[in-house]
Every structure is written in C-alpha cells, then in structure tokens.
Amino acid sequence: YYDRTVAALRAAGHAPLLMGLAFAVQEVAAIPAEGHDV
C-alpha cells in the first residue's frame, strides 16, 4: 500500500520524504529489492 501510494504521489509531482520508525530488534539482514520497493 505504501509503495503504491508513494509512487503515485511522485508521479503526480510530489516528493514526500520518508522516515521509517522501528525498534532496533527489527533490523534484518539485507532485504532483497524489487522494482516497486521505495
């Protein structure tokens, strides 16, 4: 949902900055990237 939403905002000429919030224990090894990932 967020990936599609951010992509749509950017396509419409907006450039929202993105800040992720998490507990430190949520860190994982490298996440494989896909084309839609933001």
Full PDB file with SEQRES, HELIX, SHEET, SSBOND, CRYST1, ORIGX, SCALE, CONECT and MASTER records, all heavy atoms in Angstrom:
SEQRES   1 A   38  TYR TYR ASP ARG THR VAL ALA ALA LEU ARG ALA ALA GLY          
SEQRES   2 A   38  HIS ALA PRO LEU LEU MET GLY LEU ALA PHE ALA VAL GLN          
SEQRES   3 A   38  GLU VAL ALA ALA ILE PRO ALA GLU GLY HIS ASP VAL              
HELIX    1 AA1 TYR A    2  ALA A   11  1                                  10    
HELIX    2 AA2 ALA A   24  GLN A   26  5                                   3    
CRYST1    1.000    1.000    1.000  90.00  90.00  90.00 P 1           1          
ORIGX1      1.000000  0.000000  0.000000        0.00000                         
ORIGX2      0.000000  1.000000  0.000000        0.00000                         
ORIGX3      0.000000  0.000000  1.000000        0.00000                         
SCALE1      1.000000  0.000000  0.000000        0.00000                         
SCALE2      0.000000  1.000000  0.000000        0.00000                         
SCALE3      0.000000  0.000000  1.000000        0.00000                         
ATOM      1  N   TYR A   1       0.818  -1.208   0.000  1.00  0.00           N  
ATOM      2  CA  TYR A   1       0.000   0.000   0.000  1.00  0.00           C  
ATOM      3  C   TYR A   1       0.859   1.268   0.000  1.00  0.00           C  
ATOM      4  O   TYR A   1       0.617   2.205  -0.779  1.00  0.00           O  
ATOM      5  CB  TYR A   1      -0.922   0.031   1.225  1.00  0.00           C  
ATOM      6  CG  TYR A   1      -2.183  -0.772   1.071  1.00  0.00           C  
ATOM      7  CD1 TYR A   1      -2.340  -1.996   1.710  1.00  0.00           C  
ATOM      8  CD2 TYR A   1      -3.232  -0.300   0.290  1.00  0.00           C  
ATOM      9  CE1 TYR A   1      -3.506  -2.741   1.579  1.00  0.00           C  
ATOM     10  CE2 TYR A   1      -4.405  -1.031   0.148  1.00  0.00           C  
ATOM     11  CZ  TYR A   1      -4.536  -2.252   0.796  1.00  0.00           C  
ATOM     12  OH  TYR A   1      -5.690  -2.982   0.649  1.00  0.00           O  
ATOM     13  N   TYR A   2       1.854   1.299   0.879  1.00  0.00           N  
ATOM     14  CA  TYR A   2       2.695   2.494   0.951  1.00  0.00           C  
ATOM     15  C   TYR A   2       3.541   2.652  -0.300  1.00  0.00           C  
ATOM     16  O   TYR A   2       3.731   3.781  -0.795  1.00  0.00           O  
ATOM     17  CB  TYR A   2       3.576   2.459   2.204  1.00  0.00           C  
ATOM     18  CG  TYR A   2       2.870   2.979   3.432  1.00  0.00           C  
ATOM     19  CD1 TYR A   2       2.156   2.124   4.273  1.00  0.00           C  
ATOM     20  CD2 TYR A   2       2.893   4.335   3.755  1.00  0.00           C  
ATOM     21  CE1 TYR A   2       1.504   2.597   5.401  1.00  0.00           C  
ATOM     22  CE2 TYR A   2       2.242   4.820   4.881  1.00  0.00           C  
ATOM     23  CZ  TYR A   2       1.549   3.951   5.692  1.00  0.00           C  
ATOM     24  OH  TYR A   2       0.889   4.430   6.808  1.00  0.00           O  
ATOM     25  N   ASP A   3       4.069   1.563  -0.843  1.00  0.00           N  
ATOM     26  CA  ASP A   3       4.873   1.653  -2.058  1.00  0.00           C  
ATOM     27  C   ASP A   3       4.049   2.240  -3.203  1.00  0.00           C  
ATOM     28  O   ASP A   3       4.506   3.127  -3.925  1.00  0.00           O  
ATOM     29  CB  ASP A   3       5.395   0.270  -2.449  1.00  0.00           C  
ATOM     30  CG  ASP A   3       6.400  -0.277  -1.452  1.00  0.00           C  
ATOM     31  OD1 ASP A   3       7.182   0.520  -0.902  1.00  0.00           O  
ATOM     32  OD2 ASP A   3       6.402  -1.492  -1.215  1.00  0.00           O  
ATOM     33  N   ARG A   4       2.827   1.740  -3.381  1.00  0.00           N  
ATOM     34  CA  ARG A   4       1.975   2.261  -4.456  1.00  0.00           C  
ATOM     35  C   ARG A   4       1.602   3.720  -4.211  1.00  0.00           C  
ATOM     36  O   ARG A   4       1.562   4.533  -5.143  1.00  0.00           O  
ATOM     37  CB  ARG A   4       0.708   1.409  -4.581  1.00  0.00           C  
ATOM     38  CG  ARG A   4       0.936   0.046  -5.230  1.00  0.00           C  
ATOM     39  CD  ARG A   4      -0.393  -0.626  -5.562  1.00  0.00           C  
ATOM     40  NE  ARG A   4      -1.156  -0.961  -4.363  1.00  0.00           N  
ATOM     41  CZ  ARG A   4      -1.075  -2.128  -3.723  1.00  0.00           C  
ATOM     42  NH1 ARG A   4      -0.252  -3.069  -4.172  1.00  0.00           N  
ATOM     43  NH2 ARG A   4      -1.806  -2.364  -2.649  1.00  0.00           N  
ATOM     44  N   THR A   5       1.329   4.053  -2.956  1.00  0.00           N  
ATOM     45  CA  THR A   5       0.928   5.417  -2.630  1.00  0.00           C  
ATOM     46  C   THR A   5       2.052   6.403  -2.889  1.00  0.00           C  
ATOM     47  O   THR A   5       1.846   7.461  -3.493  1.00  0.00           O  
ATOM     48  CB  THR A   5       0.477   5.497  -1.163  1.00  0.00           C  
ATOM     49  OG1 THR A   5      -0.617   4.592  -0.962  1.00  0.00           O  
ATOM     50  CG2 THR A   5       0.057   6.906  -0.792  1.00  0.00           C  
ATOM     51  N   VAL A   6       3.251   6.076  -2.438  1.00  0.00           N  
ATOM     52  CA  VAL A   6       4.395   6.962  -2.650  1.00  0.00           C  
ATOM     53  C   VAL A   6       4.700   7.089  -4.139  1.00  0.00           C  
ATOM     54  O   VAL A   6       4.984   8.191  -4.641  1.00  0.00           O  
ATOM     55  CB  VAL A   6       5.626   6.454  -1.875  1.00  0.00           C  
ATOM     56  CG1 VAL A   6       6.873   7.250  -2.253  1.00  0.00           C  
ATOM     57  CG2 VAL A   6       5.381   6.548  -0.371  1.00  0.00           C  
ATOM     58  N   ALA A   7       4.627   5.985  -4.867  1.00  0.00           N  
ATOM     59  CA  ALA A   7       4.849   6.033  -6.314  1.00  0.00           C  
ATOM     60  C   ALA A   7       3.838   6.954  -6.994  1.00  0.00           C  
ATOM     61  O   ALA A   7       4.191   7.738  -7.886  1.00  0.00           O  
ATOM     62  CB  ALA A   7       4.776   4.629  -6.903  1.00  0.00           C  
ATOM     63  N   ALA A   8       2.571   6.885  -6.578  1.00  0.00           N  
ATOM     64  CA  ALA A   8       1.533   7.739  -7.160  1.00  0.00           C  
ATOM     65  C   ALA A   8       1.775   9.207  -6.830  1.00  0.00           C  
ATOM     66  O   ALA A   8       1.593  10.090  -7.688  1.00  0.00           O  
ATOM     67  CB  ALA A   8       0.156   7.299  -6.667  1.00  0.00           C  
ATOM     68  N   LEU A   9       2.179   9.489  -5.600  1.00  0.00           N  
ATOM     69  CA  LEU A   9       2.474  10.869  -5.221  1.00  0.00           C  
ATOM     70  C   LEU A   9       3.625  11.424  -6.055  1.00  0.00           C  
ATOM     71  O   LEU A   9       3.567  12.569  -6.543  1.00  0.00           O  
ATOM     72  CB  LEU A   9       2.819  10.952  -3.729  1.00  0.00           C  
ATOM     73  CG  LEU A   9       1.661  10.781  -2.747  1.00  0.00           C  
ATOM     74  CD1 LEU A   9       2.185  10.638  -1.319  1.00  0.00           C  
ATOM     75  CD2 LEU A   9       0.696  11.964  -2.835  1.00  0.00           C  
ATOM     76  N   ARG A  10       4.660  10.622  -6.234  1.00  0.00           N  
ATOM     77  CA  ARG A  10       5.803  11.078  -7.027  1.00  0.00           C  
ATOM     78  C   ARG A  10       5.423  11.265  -8.491  1.00  0.00           C  
ATOM     79  O   ARG A  10       5.873  12.205  -9.146  1.00  0.00           O  
ATOM     80  CB  ARG A  10       6.958  10.092  -6.868  1.00  0.00           C  
ATOM     81  CG  ARG A  10       7.572  10.157  -5.467  1.00  0.00           C  
ATOM     82  CD  ARG A  10       8.669   9.130  -5.258  1.00  0.00           C  
ATOM     83  NE  ARG A  10       9.305   9.340  -3.953  1.00  0.00           N  
ATOM     84  CZ  ARG A  10      10.198   8.514  -3.425  1.00  0.00           C  
ATOM     85  NH1 ARG A  10      10.561   7.417  -4.077  1.00  0.00           N  
ATOM     86  NH2 ARG A  10      10.720   8.779  -2.237  1.00  0.00           N  
ATOM     87  N   ALA A  11       4.588  10.382  -9.006  1.00  0.00           N  
ATOM     88  CA  ALA A  11       4.142  10.510 -10.394  1.00  0.00           C  
ATOM     89  C   ALA A  11       3.326  11.784 -10.593  1.00  0.00           C  
ATOM     90  O   ALA A  11       3.298  12.355 -11.692  1.00  0.00           O  
ATOM     91  CB  ALA A  11       3.321   9.290 -10.796  1.00  0.00           C  
ATOM     92  N   ALA A  12       2.664  12.237  -9.517  1.00  0.00           N  
ATOM     93  CA  ALA A  12       1.864  13.460  -9.579  1.00  0.00           C  
ATOM     94  C   ALA A  12       2.693  14.711  -9.308  1.00  0.00           C  
ATOM     95  O   ALA A  12       2.146  15.816  -9.234  1.00  0.00           O  
ATOM     96  CB  ALA A  12       0.713  13.376  -8.580  1.00  0.00           C  
ATOM     97  N   GLY A  13       3.994  14.548  -9.153  1.00  0.00           N  
ATOM     98  CA  GLY A  13       4.877  15.695  -8.977  1.00  0.00           C  
ATOM     99  C   GLY A  13       5.203  16.054  -7.545  1.00  0.00           C  
ATOM    100  O   GLY A  13       5.825  17.081  -7.288  1.00  0.00           O  
ATOM    101  N   HIS A  14       4.805  15.210  -6.601  1.00  0.00           N  
ATOM    102  CA  HIS A  14       5.123  15.453  -5.192  1.00  0.00           C  
ATOM    103  C   HIS A  14       6.355  14.632  -4.798  1.00  0.00           C  
ATOM    104  O   HIS A  14       6.668  13.632  -5.429  1.00  0.00           O  
ATOM    105  CB  HIS A  14       3.938  15.077  -4.304  1.00  0.00           C  
ATOM    106  CG  HIS A  14       2.670  15.775  -4.691  1.00  0.00           C  
ATOM    107  ND1 HIS A  14       2.497  17.138  -4.559  1.00  0.00           N  
ATOM    108  CD2 HIS A  14       1.512  15.296  -5.225  1.00  0.00           C  
ATOM    109  CE1 HIS A  14       1.297  17.475  -4.985  1.00  0.00           C  
ATOM    110  NE2 HIS A  14       0.677  16.380  -5.396  1.00  0.00           N  
ATOM    111  N   ALA A  15       7.023  15.064  -3.765  1.00  0.00           N  
ATOM    112  CA  ALA A  15       8.235  14.365  -3.347  1.00  0.00           C  
ATOM    113  C   ALA A  15       8.276  14.226  -1.833  1.00  0.00           C  
ATOM    114  O   ALA A  15       9.136  14.825  -1.169  1.00  0.00           O  
ATOM    115  CB  ALA A  15       9.479  15.089  -3.850  1.00  0.00           C  
ATOM    116  N   PRO A  16       7.353  13.459  -1.244  1.00  0.00           N  
ATOM    117  CA  PRO A  16       7.360  13.313   0.213  1.00  0.00           C  
ATOM    118  C   PRO A  16       8.622  12.591   0.691  1.00  0.00           C  
ATOM    119  O   PRO A  16       9.079  11.633   0.058  1.00  0.00           O  
ATOM    120  CB  PRO A  16       6.109  12.476   0.486  1.00  0.00           C  
ATOM    121  CG  PRO A  16       5.891  11.690  -0.771  1.00  0.00           C  
ATOM    122  CD  PRO A  16       6.313  12.615  -1.876  1.00  0.00           C  
ATOM    123  N   LEU A  17       9.181  13.074   1.772  1.00  0.00           N  
ATOM    124  CA  LEU A  17      10.304  12.390   2.392  1.00  0.00           C  
ATOM    125  C   LEU A  17       9.768  11.267   3.276  1.00  0.00           C  
ATOM    126  O   LEU A  17       8.657  11.374   3.812  1.00  0.00           O  
ATOM    127  CB  LEU A  17      11.138  13.379   3.207  1.00  0.00           C  
ATOM    128  CG  LEU A  17      11.808  14.475   2.370  1.00  0.00           C  
ATOM    129  CD1 LEU A  17      12.368  15.573   3.256  1.00  0.00           C  
ATOM    130  CD2 LEU A  17      12.894  13.891   1.477  1.00  0.00           C  
ATOM    131  N   LEU A  18      10.561  10.211   3.428  1.00  0.00           N  
ATOM    132  CA  LEU A  18      10.084   9.006   4.093  1.00  0.00           C  
ATOM    133  C   LEU A  18      10.951   8.682   5.302  1.00  0.00           C  
ATOM    134  O   LEU A  18      12.177   8.546   5.185  1.00  0.00           O  
ATOM    135  CB  LEU A  18      10.107   7.819   3.119  1.00  0.00           C  
ATOM    136  CG  LEU A  18       9.430   8.046   1.766  1.00  0.00           C  
ATOM    137  CD1 LEU A  18       9.577   6.809   0.887  1.00  0.00           C  
ATOM    138  CD2 LEU A  18       7.960   8.416   1.936  1.00  0.00           C  
ATOM    139  N   MET A  19      10.323   8.550   6.451  1.00  0.00           N  
ATOM    140  CA  MET A  19      11.031   8.222   7.689  1.00  0.00           C  
ATOM    141  C   MET A  19      10.426   6.951   8.277  1.00  0.00           C  
ATOM    142  O   MET A  19       9.256   6.927   8.661  1.00  0.00           O  
ATOM    143  CB  MET A  19      10.920   9.374   8.700  1.00  0.00           C  
ATOM    144  CG  MET A  19      11.577   9.077  10.043  1.00  0.00           C  
ATOM    145  SD  MET A  19      11.313  10.414  11.260  1.00  0.00           S  
ATOM    146  CE  MET A  19      12.383  11.701  10.611  1.00  0.00           C  
ATOM    147  N   GLY A  20      11.219   5.898   8.342  1.00  0.00           N  
ATOM    148  CA  GLY A  20      10.765   4.663   8.954  1.00  0.00           C  
ATOM    149  C   GLY A  20      10.994   4.686  10.457  1.00  0.00           C  
ATOM    150  O   GLY A  20      12.022   5.186  10.929  1.00  0.00           O  
ATOM    151  N   LEU A  21      10.036   4.165  11.207  1.00  0.00           N  
ATOM    152  CA  LEU A  21      10.148   4.071  12.666  1.00  0.00           C  
ATOM    153  C   LEU A  21      10.119   2.602  13.057  1.00  0.00           C  
ATOM    154  O   LEU A  21       9.227   1.859  12.628  1.00  0.00           O  
ATOM    155  CB  LEU A  21       8.988   4.803  13.348  1.00  0.00           C  
ATOM    156  CG  LEU A  21       8.740   6.261  12.951  1.00  0.00           C  
ATOM    157  CD1 LEU A  21       7.559   6.819  13.741  1.00  0.00           C  
ATOM    158  CD2 LEU A  21       9.979   7.118  13.156  1.00  0.00           C  
ATOM    159  N   ALA A  22      11.071   2.182  13.873  1.00  0.00           N  
ATOM    160  CA  ALA A  22      11.133   0.766  14.232  1.00  0.00           C  
ATOM    161  C   ALA A  22      11.897   0.585  15.532  1.00  0.00           C  
ATOM    162  O   ALA A  22      12.672   1.458  15.954  1.00  0.00           O  
ATOM    163  CB  ALA A  22      11.820  -0.034  13.126  1.00  0.00           C  
ATOM    164  N   PHE A  23      11.669  -0.551  16.175  1.00  0.00           N  
ATOM    165  CA  PHE A  23      12.534  -0.966  17.278  1.00  0.00           C  
ATOM    166  C   PHE A  23      13.831  -1.505  16.675  1.00  0.00           C  
ATOM    167  O   PHE A  23      13.828  -2.087  15.580  1.00  0.00           O  
ATOM    168  CB  PHE A  23      11.858  -2.056  18.103  1.00  0.00           C  
ATOM    169  CG  PHE A  23      10.549  -1.650  18.723  1.00  0.00           C  
ATOM    170  CD1 PHE A  23       9.353  -2.188  18.268  1.00  0.00           C  
ATOM    171  CD2 PHE A  23      10.505  -0.721  19.755  1.00  0.00           C  
ATOM    172  CE1 PHE A  23       8.140  -1.823  18.831  1.00  0.00           C  
ATOM    173  CE2 PHE A  23       9.300  -0.340  20.334  1.00  0.00           C  
ATOM    174  CZ  PHE A  23       8.111  -0.891  19.865  1.00  0.00           C  
ATOM    175  N   ALA A  24      14.925  -1.345  17.393  1.00  0.00           N  
ATOM    176  CA  ALA A  24      16.215  -1.803  16.871  1.00  0.00           C  
ATOM    177  C   ALA A  24      16.218  -3.295  16.568  1.00  0.00           C  
ATOM    178  O   ALA A  24      16.901  -3.747  15.638  1.00  0.00           O  
ATOM    179  CB  ALA A  24      17.325  -1.457  17.869  1.00  0.00           C  
ATOM    180  N   VAL A  25      15.436  -4.075  17.312  1.00  0.00           N  
ATOM    181  CA  VAL A  25      15.418  -5.528  17.099  1.00  0.00           C  
ATOM    182  C   VAL A  25      14.768  -5.913  15.769  1.00  0.00           C  
ATOM    183  O   VAL A  25      14.823  -7.071  15.362  1.00  0.00           O  
ATOM    184  CB  VAL A  25      14.681  -6.264  18.237  1.00  0.00           C  
ATOM    185  CG1 VAL A  25      15.422  -6.115  19.548  1.00  0.00           C  
ATOM    186  CG2 VAL A  25      13.233  -5.805  18.355  1.00  0.00           C  
ATOM    187  N   GLN A  26      14.156  -4.955  15.069  1.00  0.00           N  
ATOM    188  CA  GLN A  26      13.533  -5.254  13.781  1.00  0.00           C  
ATOM    189  C   GLN A  26      14.530  -5.236  12.623  1.00  0.00           C  
ATOM    190  O   GLN A  26      14.159  -5.523  11.485  1.00  0.00           O  
ATOM    191  CB  GLN A  26      12.391  -4.268  13.510  1.00  0.00           C  
ATOM    192  CG  GLN A  26      11.193  -4.453  14.429  1.00  0.00           C  
ATOM    193  CD  GLN A  26      10.138  -3.385  14.206  1.00  0.00           C  
ATOM    194  OE1 GLN A  26       9.868  -2.549  15.078  1.00  0.00           O  
ATOM    195  NE2 GLN A  26       9.526  -3.394  13.033  1.00  0.00           N  
ATOM    196  N   GLU A  27      15.782  -4.897  12.924  1.00  0.00           N  
ATOM    197  CA  GLU A  27      16.791  -4.916  11.853  1.00  0.00           C  
ATOM    198  C   GLU A  27      17.010  -6.348  11.367  1.00  0.00           C  
ATOM    199  O   GLU A  27      17.081  -7.280  12.180  1.00  0.00           O  
ATOM    200  CB  GLU A  27      18.112  -4.330  12.341  1.00  0.00           C  
ATOM    201  CG  GLU A  27      19.168  -4.270  11.252  1.00  0.00           C  
ATOM    202  CD  GLU A  27      20.442  -3.567  11.680  1.00  0.00           C  
ATOM    203  OE1 GLU A  27      20.455  -2.958  12.787  1.00  0.00           O  
ATOM    204  OE2 GLU A  27      21.428  -3.620  10.922  1.00  0.00           O  
ATOM    205  N   VAL A  28      17.097  -6.509  10.062  1.00  0.00           N  
ATOM    206  CA  VAL A  28      17.318  -7.815   9.455  1.00  0.00           C  
ATOM    207  C   VAL A  28      18.525  -7.738   8.527  1.00  0.00           C  
ATOM    208  O   VAL A  28      19.051  -6.662   8.254  1.00  0.00           O  
ATOM    209  CB  VAL A  28      16.080  -8.292   8.662  1.00  0.00           C  
ATOM    210  CG1 VAL A  28      14.855  -8.367   9.553  1.00  0.00           C  
ATOM    211  CG2 VAL A  28      15.803  -7.386   7.462  1.00  0.00           C  
ATOM    212  N   ALA A  29      18.953  -8.895   8.032  1.00  0.00           N  
ATOM    213  CA  ALA A  29      19.998  -8.921   7.012  1.00  0.00           C  
ATOM    214  C   ALA A  29      19.447  -8.255   5.759  1.00  0.00           C  
ATOM    215  O   ALA A  29      18.282  -7.884   5.697  1.00  0.00           O  
ATOM    216  CB  ALA A  29      20.409 -10.360   6.736  1.00  0.00           C  
ATOM    217  N   ALA A  30      20.270  -8.109   4.751  1.00  0.00           N  
ATOM    218  CA  ALA A  30      19.896  -7.377   3.540  1.00  0.00           C  
ATOM    219  C   ALA A  30      18.556  -7.839   2.981  1.00  0.00           C  
ATOM    220  O   ALA A  30      18.337  -9.027   2.755  1.00  0.00           O  
ATOM    221  CB  ALA A  30      20.982  -7.540   2.491  1.00  0.00           C  
ATOM    222  N   ILE A  31      17.667  -6.876   2.777  1.00  0.00           N  
ATOM    223  CA  ILE A  31      16.356  -7.157   2.205  1.00  0.00           C  
ATOM    224  C   ILE A  31      16.474  -7.134   0.686  1.00  0.00           C  
ATOM    225  O   ILE A  31      16.945  -6.136   0.119  1.00  0.00           O  
ATOM    226  CB  ILE A  31      15.323  -6.113   2.666  1.00  0.00           C  
ATOM    227  CG1 ILE A  31      15.149  -6.169   4.190  1.00  0.00           C  
ATOM    228  CG2 ILE A  31      13.978  -6.317   1.965  1.00  0.00           C  
ATOM    229  CD1 ILE A  31      14.339  -5.022   4.758  1.00  0.00           C  
ATOM    230  N   PRO A  32      16.076  -8.196  -0.010  1.00  0.00           N  
ATOM    231  CA  PRO A  32      16.156  -8.178  -1.471  1.00  0.00           C  
ATOM    232  C   PRO A  32      15.222  -7.117  -2.036  1.00  0.00           C  
ATOM    233  O   PRO A  32      14.062  -7.013  -1.632  1.00  0.00           O  
ATOM    234  CB  PRO A  32      15.718  -9.595  -1.870  1.00  0.00           C  
ATOM    235  CG  PRO A  32      14.964 -10.125  -0.700  1.00  0.00           C  
ATOM    236  CD  PRO A  32      15.547  -9.468   0.510  1.00  0.00           C  
ATOM    237  N   ALA A  33      15.749  -6.289  -2.944  1.00  0.00           N  
ATOM    238  CA  ALA A  33      14.974  -5.188  -3.502  1.00  0.00           C  
ATOM    239  C   ALA A  33      14.201  -5.640  -4.733  1.00  0.00           C  
ATOM    240  O   ALA A  33      14.692  -6.429  -5.538  1.00  0.00           O  
ATOM    241  CB  ALA A  33      15.896  -4.029  -3.864  1.00  0.00           C  
ATOM    242  N   GLU A  34      12.976  -5.122  -4.850  1.00  0.00           N  
ATOM    243  CA  GLU A  34      12.158  -5.328  -6.038  1.00  0.00           C  
ATOM    244  C   GLU A  34      11.862  -3.968  -6.659  1.00  0.00           C  
ATOM    245  O   GLU A  34      12.043  -2.922  -6.026  1.00  0.00           O  
ATOM    246  CB  GLU A  34      10.862  -6.050  -5.669  1.00  0.00           C  
ATOM    247  CG  GLU A  34      11.087  -7.457  -5.138  1.00  0.00           C  
ATOM    248  CD  GLU A  34       9.786  -8.161  -4.809  1.00  0.00           C  
ATOM    249  OE1 GLU A  34       9.306  -7.993  -3.676  1.00  0.00           O  
ATOM    250  OE2 GLU A  34       9.251  -8.864  -5.682  1.00  0.00           O  
ATOM    251  N   GLY A  35      11.396  -3.981  -7.885  1.00  0.00           N  
ATOM    252  CA  GLY A  35      11.205  -2.738  -8.614  1.00  0.00           C  
ATOM    253  C   GLY A  35      10.263  -1.762  -7.944  1.00  0.00           C  
ATOM    254  O   GLY A  35      10.426  -0.544  -8.051  1.00  0.00           O  
ATOM    255  N   HIS A  36       9.244  -2.269  -7.236  1.00  0.00           N  
ATOM    256  CA  HIS A  36       8.258  -1.379  -6.619  1.00  0.00           C  
ATOM    257  C   HIS A  36       8.680  -0.893  -5.234  1.00  0.00           C  
ATOM    258  O   HIS A  36       8.010  -0.034  -4.660  1.00  0.00           O  
ATOM    259  CB  HIS A  36       6.900  -2.092  -6.502  1.00  0.00           C  
ATOM    260  CG  HIS A  36       6.925  -3.286  -5.599  1.00  0.00           C  
ATOM    261  ND1 HIS A  36       7.159  -4.549  -6.066  1.00  0.00           N  
ATOM    262  CD2 HIS A  36       6.766  -3.400  -4.259  1.00  0.00           C  
ATOM    263  CE1 HIS A  36       7.130  -5.403  -5.040  1.00  0.00           C  
ATOM    264  NE2 HIS A  36       6.901  -4.720  -3.935  1.00  0.00           N  
ATOM    265  N   ASP A  37       9.762  -1.437  -4.686  1.00  0.00           N  
ATOM    266  CA  ASP A  37      10.175  -1.054  -3.336  1.00  0.00           C  
ATOM    267  C   ASP A  37      10.669   0.387  -3.305  1.00  0.00           C  
ATOM    268  O   ASP A  37      11.400   0.830  -4.194  1.00  0.00           O  
ATOM    269  CB  ASP A  37      11.283  -1.983  -2.835  1.00  0.00           C  
ATOM    270  CG  ASP A  37      10.775  -3.380  -2.533  1.00  0.00           C  
ATOM    271  OD1 ASP A  37       9.574  -3.526  -2.254  1.00  0.00           O  
ATOM    272  OD2 ASP A  37      11.586  -4.327  -2.591  1.00  0.00           O  
ATOM    273  N   VAL A  38      10.291   1.116  -2.269  1.00  0.00           N  
ATOM    274  CA  VAL A  38      10.668   2.516  -2.110  1.00  0.00           C  
ATOM    275  C   VAL A  38      11.624   2.627  -0.927  1.00  0.00           C  
ATOM    276  O   VAL A  38      11.240   2.340   0.208  1.00  0.00           O  
ATOM    277  CB  VAL A  38       9.423   3.393  -1.859  1.00  0.00           C  
ATOM    278  CG1 VAL A  38       9.829   4.847  -1.680  1.00  0.00           C  
ATOM    279  CG2 VAL A  38       8.430   3.250  -3.012  1.00  0.00           C  
TER     280      VAL A  38                                                      
MASTER        0    0    0    2    0    0    0    6  279    1    0    3          
END                                                                             
